[in-house]
Amino acid sequence: MGERDAGHGLKTTAVSLELIEQILEFEGATMAELVEATGLAKSTVHSHLTTLAEYGYVVNSDNRYHLGSKFCHLGDYVRTRKEYYRIAQETIAWLDAESSMEADFTVEEHGRIVSLYGDLEFANSPRFLIDGSPFHVHTTASGKAIIAEYPESRVREIIDRWGLPAPTDRTITSEDELFEELERVREQGYGQAEGEAIEGFWAVGKVVKSPRGEVLGSLNLSGPAYVVDEETKATQVELLSRGVERFEQGLVEMYQPTAATDGEE
């Protein structure tokens, strides 16, 4: 196989990333656990861990390997590099104050859904970071809201890459059903999911667009499904719509100086 694996990526890089994911899943792992989980030789695992430690990505505490604090800095960079970071945080804070639900903002990356801003309980679990994003677009309200804005060809590319796995028995598992759902999302203006990604978890998501009409991501409200009735759903959808309006108005104001400068040239 050589330096590159069948997926056309560097094999050595893939091994290091696999070890990081295993450490994350185990919430700290011994050398023996990593060797058993990966099927790699002990010398190979040791070499990769040594390199990762040298660069601050792994630390060894009492012969148990943990992820290093460098990942905290990387996470902060990912969140704060977005030009709309401040607006997202302010909007989520407003929703948290107005709603009984939890608020967050998600984006689609490489056909998966990532929560960037918010304080969701499941996002605080180490498993949340495995594979970069734990959620498939077809299982979440935010994913449905986002891909409903995409051309069919892009949606099919995502399906071809990731498939339609079912983490619960309520998950959409057929393409026809998914495209029917996306049409419903376009008609009502928001995505909704109940127990499709996480058992007993209800969520509603609505896309946020830039002043140029680009889909930036989805603003979402979520909580336990057992407390949600039709009246609650209507209230949360209304709050979410107001949140999106605030977010998008903030974007307009943020871009205004640029627009004014462009007009002066």
Protein backbone atom coordinates (compact mmCIF):
# COMPACT_ATOMS: atom_id res chain seq x y z
CA MET A 1 0.00 0.00 0.00
CA GLY A 2 2.96 2.27 0.63
CA GLU A 3 2.84 5.76 2.12
CA ARG A 4 -0.64 6.41 0.76
CA ASP A 5 -3.65 4.33 1.63
CA ALA A 6 -6.60 3.29 -0.56
CA GLY A 7 -8.39 6.54 0.18
CA HIS A 8 -5.54 8.52 -1.45
CA GLY A 9 -4.52 10.07 1.87
CA LEU A 10 -1.22 9.71 3.71
CA LYS A 11 -1.23 6.44 5.63
CA THR A 12 0.95 7.83 8.43
CA THR A 13 -1.41 10.77 8.93
CA ALA A 14 -4.41 8.43 8.95
CA VAL A 15 -2.80 6.33 11.70
CA SER A 16 -2.15 9.38 13.89
CA LEU A 17 -5.73 10.58 13.42
CA GLU A 18 -7.09 7.14 14.24
CA LEU A 19 -5.11 7.12 17.50
CA ILE A 20 -6.47 10.56 18.39
CA GLU A 21 -10.02 9.34 17.79
CA GLN A 22 -9.45 6.21 19.87
CA ILE A 23 -8.03 8.23 22.77
CA LEU A 24 -11.04 10.51 22.52
CA GLU A 25 -13.50 7.61 22.49
CA PHE A 26 -11.82 5.88 25.43
CA GLU A 27 -11.51 9.21 27.29
CA GLY A 28 -7.87 8.34 27.79
CA ALA A 29 -6.23 5.05 26.80
CA THR A 30 -3.25 2.88 27.64
CA MET A 31 -0.77 1.69 25.05
CA ALA A 32 -2.23 -1.81 25.24
CA GLU A 33 -5.78 -0.52 24.67
CA LEU A 34 -4.68 1.45 21.62
CA VAL A 35 -2.78 -1.50 20.16
CA GLU A 36 -5.83 -3.74 20.61
CA ALA A 37 -8.30 -1.16 19.25
CA THR A 38 -6.28 -0.32 16.13
CA GLY A 39 -4.63 -3.65 15.38
CA LEU A 40 -1.33 -1.85 14.89
CA ALA A 41 2.06 -2.98 16.12
CA LYS A 42 3.10 -1.65 19.52
CA SER A 43 6.17 -0.01 17.97
CA THR A 44 4.00 1.81 15.42
CA VAL A 45 1.58 3.09 18.07
CA HIS A 46 4.50 4.20 20.26
CA SER A 47 6.14 6.11 17.39
CA HIS A 48 2.96 7.98 16.54
CA LEU A 49 2.17 8.80 20.16
CA THR A 50 5.71 10.08 20.68
CA THR A 51 5.38 12.42 17.70
CA LEU A 52 1.91 13.60 18.77
CA ALA A 53 3.26 14.28 22.26
CA GLU A 54 6.20 16.27 20.90
CA TYR A 55 3.77 18.60 19.14
CA GLY A 56 1.45 18.93 22.14
CA TYR A 57 -1.47 16.89 20.82
CA VAL A 58 -1.13 14.04 23.34
CA VAL A 59 0.00 13.84 26.96
CA ASN A 60 1.00 10.78 28.99
CA SER A 61 -0.26 10.68 32.55
CA ASP A 62 0.48 7.56 34.61
CA ASN A 63 0.89 5.48 31.45
CA ARG A 64 -2.47 6.60 30.11
CA TYR A 65 -2.62 8.79 27.04
CA HIS A 66 -4.95 11.79 26.86
CA LEU A 67 -5.48 14.52 24.31
CA GLY A 68 -3.43 17.65 24.95
CA SER A 69 -4.72 21.13 25.70
CA LYS A 70 -3.61 22.18 22.23
CA PHE A 71 -6.96 20.96 20.99
CA CYS A 72 -8.62 23.66 23.12
CA HIS A 73 -6.71 26.31 21.19
CA LEU A 74 -7.62 24.67 17.89
CA GLY A 75 -11.29 24.58 18.87
CA ASP A 76 -11.21 28.24 19.81
CA TYR A 77 -9.61 29.04 16.47
CA VAL A 78 -12.26 27.13 14.53
CA ARG A 79 -15.06 28.99 16.32
CA THR A 80 -13.55 32.47 16.35
CA ARG A 81 -12.18 32.50 12.81
CA LYS A 82 -15.71 32.86 11.45
CA GLU A 83 -16.37 36.52 10.70
CA TYR A 84 -19.86 36.19 12.16
CA TYR A 85 -18.60 34.75 15.47
CA ARG A 86 -19.76 37.69 17.60
CA ILE A 87 -23.20 37.81 15.96
CA ALA A 88 -23.69 34.06 16.44
CA GLN A 89 -22.79 34.26 20.11
CA GLU A 90 -25.07 37.25 20.72
CA THR A 91 -27.99 35.57 18.93
CA ILE A 92 -27.57 32.34 20.87
CA ALA A 93 -27.39 34.28 24.13
CA TRP A 94 -30.66 36.02 23.19
CA LEU A 95 -32.34 32.69 22.36
CA ASP A 96 -31.10 31.15 25.60
CA ALA A 97 -32.76 34.00 27.50
CA GLU A 98 -36.02 33.84 25.55
CA SER A 99 -36.47 30.10 25.10
CA SER A 100 -36.76 27.16 27.45
CA MET A 101 -34.82 25.13 24.89
CA GLU A 102 -31.07 24.95 24.23
CA ALA A 103 -29.76 27.02 21.33
CA ASP A 104 -26.84 26.40 19.01
CA PHE A 105 -25.52 27.24 15.57
CA THR A 106 -24.33 24.50 13.24
CA VAL A 107 -22.57 24.30 9.89
CA GLU A 108 -22.22 21.62 7.26
CA GLU A 109 -18.66 20.47 6.64
CA HIS A 110 -17.75 17.60 4.33
CA GLY A 111 -21.34 16.39 4.35
CA ARG A 112 -21.65 16.25 8.15
CA ILE A 113 -23.13 18.60 10.75
CA VAL A 114 -20.91 20.37 13.30
CA SER A 115 -22.14 22.49 16.21
CA LEU A 116 -19.89 25.55 16.52
CA TYR A 117 -21.66 27.77 19.03
CA GLY A 118 -23.91 26.81 21.90
CA ASP A 119 -23.92 24.88 25.17
CA LEU A 120 -25.58 21.60 24.29
CA GLU A 121 -25.12 18.79 26.80
CA PHE A 122 -24.36 16.19 24.12
CA ALA A 123 -21.71 18.50 22.64
CA ASN A 124 -19.78 18.31 25.91
CA SER A 125 -19.36 14.55 25.57
CA PRO A 126 -15.97 13.44 24.21
CA ARG A 127 -17.76 11.33 21.58
CA PHE A 128 -19.13 14.54 20.05
CA LEU A 129 -15.81 15.17 18.32
CA ILE A 130 -15.26 11.73 16.84
CA ASP A 131 -14.82 11.86 13.04
CA GLY A 132 -14.95 15.66 13.21
CA SER A 133 -18.73 15.61 13.30
CA PRO A 134 -20.98 12.94 14.78
CA PHE A 135 -24.17 13.83 12.98
CA HIS A 136 -25.36 12.94 9.51
CA VAL A 137 -27.35 15.64 7.74
CA HIS A 138 -30.46 13.48 7.34
CA THR A 139 -30.76 12.85 11.09
CA THR A 140 -30.88 16.43 12.37
CA ALA A 141 -33.18 19.42 12.06
CA SER A 142 -30.20 21.61 11.22
CA GLY A 143 -28.92 19.21 8.57
CA LYS A 144 -32.31 19.03 6.90
CA ALA A 145 -32.67 22.81 6.97
CA ILE A 146 -29.25 23.28 5.37
CA ILE A 147 -29.40 20.66 2.63
CA ALA A 148 -32.94 21.70 1.71
CA GLU A 149 -31.21 24.79 0.29
CA TYR A 150 -28.76 22.71 -1.76
CA PRO A 151 -29.23 21.53 -5.33
CA GLU A 152 -30.26 17.89 -5.61
CA SER A 153 -26.88 16.97 -7.06
CA ARG A 154 -25.09 18.17 -3.93
CA VAL A 155 -27.49 16.26 -1.67
CA ARG A 156 -26.87 13.09 -3.68
CA GLU A 157 -23.11 13.58 -3.35
CA ILE A 158 -23.51 13.65 0.43
CA ILE A 159 -25.69 10.53 0.37
CA ASP A 160 -23.20 8.72 -1.88
CA ARG A 161 -20.39 9.51 0.52
CA TRP A 162 -22.07 8.85 3.88
CA GLY A 163 -25.16 6.83 3.09
CA LEU A 164 -28.29 7.04 5.24
CA PRO A 165 -27.35 5.22 8.45
CA ALA A 166 -29.98 4.95 11.17
CA PRO A 167 -28.81 5.77 14.71
CA THR A 168 -32.43 5.29 15.90
CA ASP A 169 -35.53 3.56 14.58
CA ARG A 170 -37.04 6.96 13.71
CA THR A 171 -34.28 7.92 11.25
CA ILE A 172 -35.00 8.42 7.56
CA THR A 173 -33.33 5.59 5.65
CA SER A 174 -34.51 5.96 2.04
CA GLU A 175 -33.62 8.61 -0.54
CA ASP A 176 -37.24 9.05 -1.61
CA GLU A 177 -38.31 9.69 1.98
CA LEU A 178 -35.44 12.15 2.47
CA PHE A 179 -36.27 14.18 -0.62
CA GLU A 180 -39.94 14.28 0.42
CA GLU A 181 -38.80 15.56 3.81
CA LEU A 182 -36.62 18.24 2.22
CA GLU A 183 -39.56 19.44 0.14
CA ARG A 184 -41.59 19.71 3.35
CA VAL A 185 -38.74 21.71 4.94
CA ARG A 186 -38.73 24.15 2.02
CA GLU A 187 -42.51 24.60 2.28
CA GLN A 188 -42.58 25.25 6.04
CA GLY A 189 -39.28 27.16 6.19
CA TYR A 190 -37.55 25.08 8.85
CA GLY A 191 -36.26 21.59 9.57
CA GLN A 192 -37.50 19.41 12.40
CA ALA A 193 -36.26 16.18 13.94
CA GLU A 194 -37.62 14.06 16.78
CA GLY A 195 -35.46 11.23 18.04
CA GLU A 196 -33.76 10.76 14.67
CA ALA A 197 -30.20 11.40 15.79
CA ILE A 198 -30.59 10.97 19.56
CA GLU A 199 -33.41 9.05 21.22
CA GLY A 200 -35.93 11.33 22.92
CA PHE A 201 -34.41 14.51 21.51
CA TRP A 202 -36.48 17.09 19.60
CA ALA A 203 -35.01 19.93 17.55
CA VAL A 204 -35.97 22.61 15.07
CA GLY A 205 -33.49 24.32 12.74
CA LYS A 206 -33.66 27.27 10.37
CA VAL A 207 -30.95 28.39 7.95
CA VAL A 208 -29.05 31.64 8.29
CA LYS A 209 -27.96 33.32 5.07
CA SER A 210 -25.43 36.01 4.30
CA PRO A 211 -26.56 39.26 2.64
CA ARG A 212 -25.44 37.64 -0.61
CA GLY A 213 -27.83 34.73 -0.09
CA GLU A 214 -25.20 32.14 0.85
CA VAL A 215 -26.16 29.52 3.41
CA LEU A 216 -23.88 30.01 6.41
CA GLY A 217 -25.44 27.38 8.65
CA SER A 218 -28.46 26.68 10.80
CA LEU A 219 -29.69 28.28 14.01
CA ASN A 220 -31.36 25.67 16.19
CA LEU A 221 -33.43 25.08 19.31
CA SER A 222 -33.62 21.66 20.94
CA GLY A 223 -34.68 19.79 24.04
CA PRO A 224 -36.38 16.67 25.42
CA ALA A 225 -39.16 15.46 23.13
CA TYR A 226 -41.47 14.63 26.04
CA VAL A 227 -41.95 18.32 26.92
CA VAL A 228 -42.83 19.33 23.36
CA ASP A 229 -46.44 19.63 22.23
CA GLU A 230 -47.90 21.50 19.24
CA GLU A 231 -48.16 24.76 21.15
CA THR A 232 -44.55 24.49 22.31
CA LYS A 233 -43.39 23.73 18.77
CA ALA A 234 -45.17 26.81 17.42
CA THR A 235 -43.62 28.99 20.14
CA GLN A 236 -40.12 27.67 19.49
CA VAL A 237 -40.44 28.07 15.72
CA GLU A 238 -41.53 31.69 16.21
CA LEU A 239 -38.60 32.41 18.53
CA LEU A 240 -36.23 30.73 16.11
CA SER A 241 -37.52 32.84 13.22
CA ARG A 242 -36.93 35.98 15.28
CA GLY A 243 -33.45 34.72 16.13
CA VAL A 244 -32.63 34.21 12.45
CA GLU A 245 -33.89 37.73 11.69
CA ARG A 246 -31.59 39.15 14.39
CA PHE A 247 -28.67 37.10 13.10
CA GLU A 248 -29.17 38.14 9.48
CA GLN A 249 -29.72 41.79 10.42
CA GLY A 250 -26.45 41.67 12.30
CA LEU A 251 -24.77 40.33 9.18
CA VAL A 252 -26.19 43.19 7.10
CA GLU A 253 -24.84 45.72 9.59
CA MET A 254 -21.49 43.97 9.67
CA TYR A 255 -21.15 44.11 5.89
CA GLN A 256 -22.39 47.70 5.55
CA PRO A 257 -18.97 49.36 6.01
CA THR A 258 -17.62 47.16 3.22
CA ALA A 259 -20.54 48.02 0.99
CA ALA A 260 -20.06 51.73 1.69
CA THR A 261 -16.34 51.50 0.90
CA ASP A 262 -17.04 49.65 -2.32
CA GLY A 263 -19.48 52.37 -3.33
CA GLU A 264 -16.90 55.10 -2.80
CA GLU A 265 -14.36 53.51 -5.11
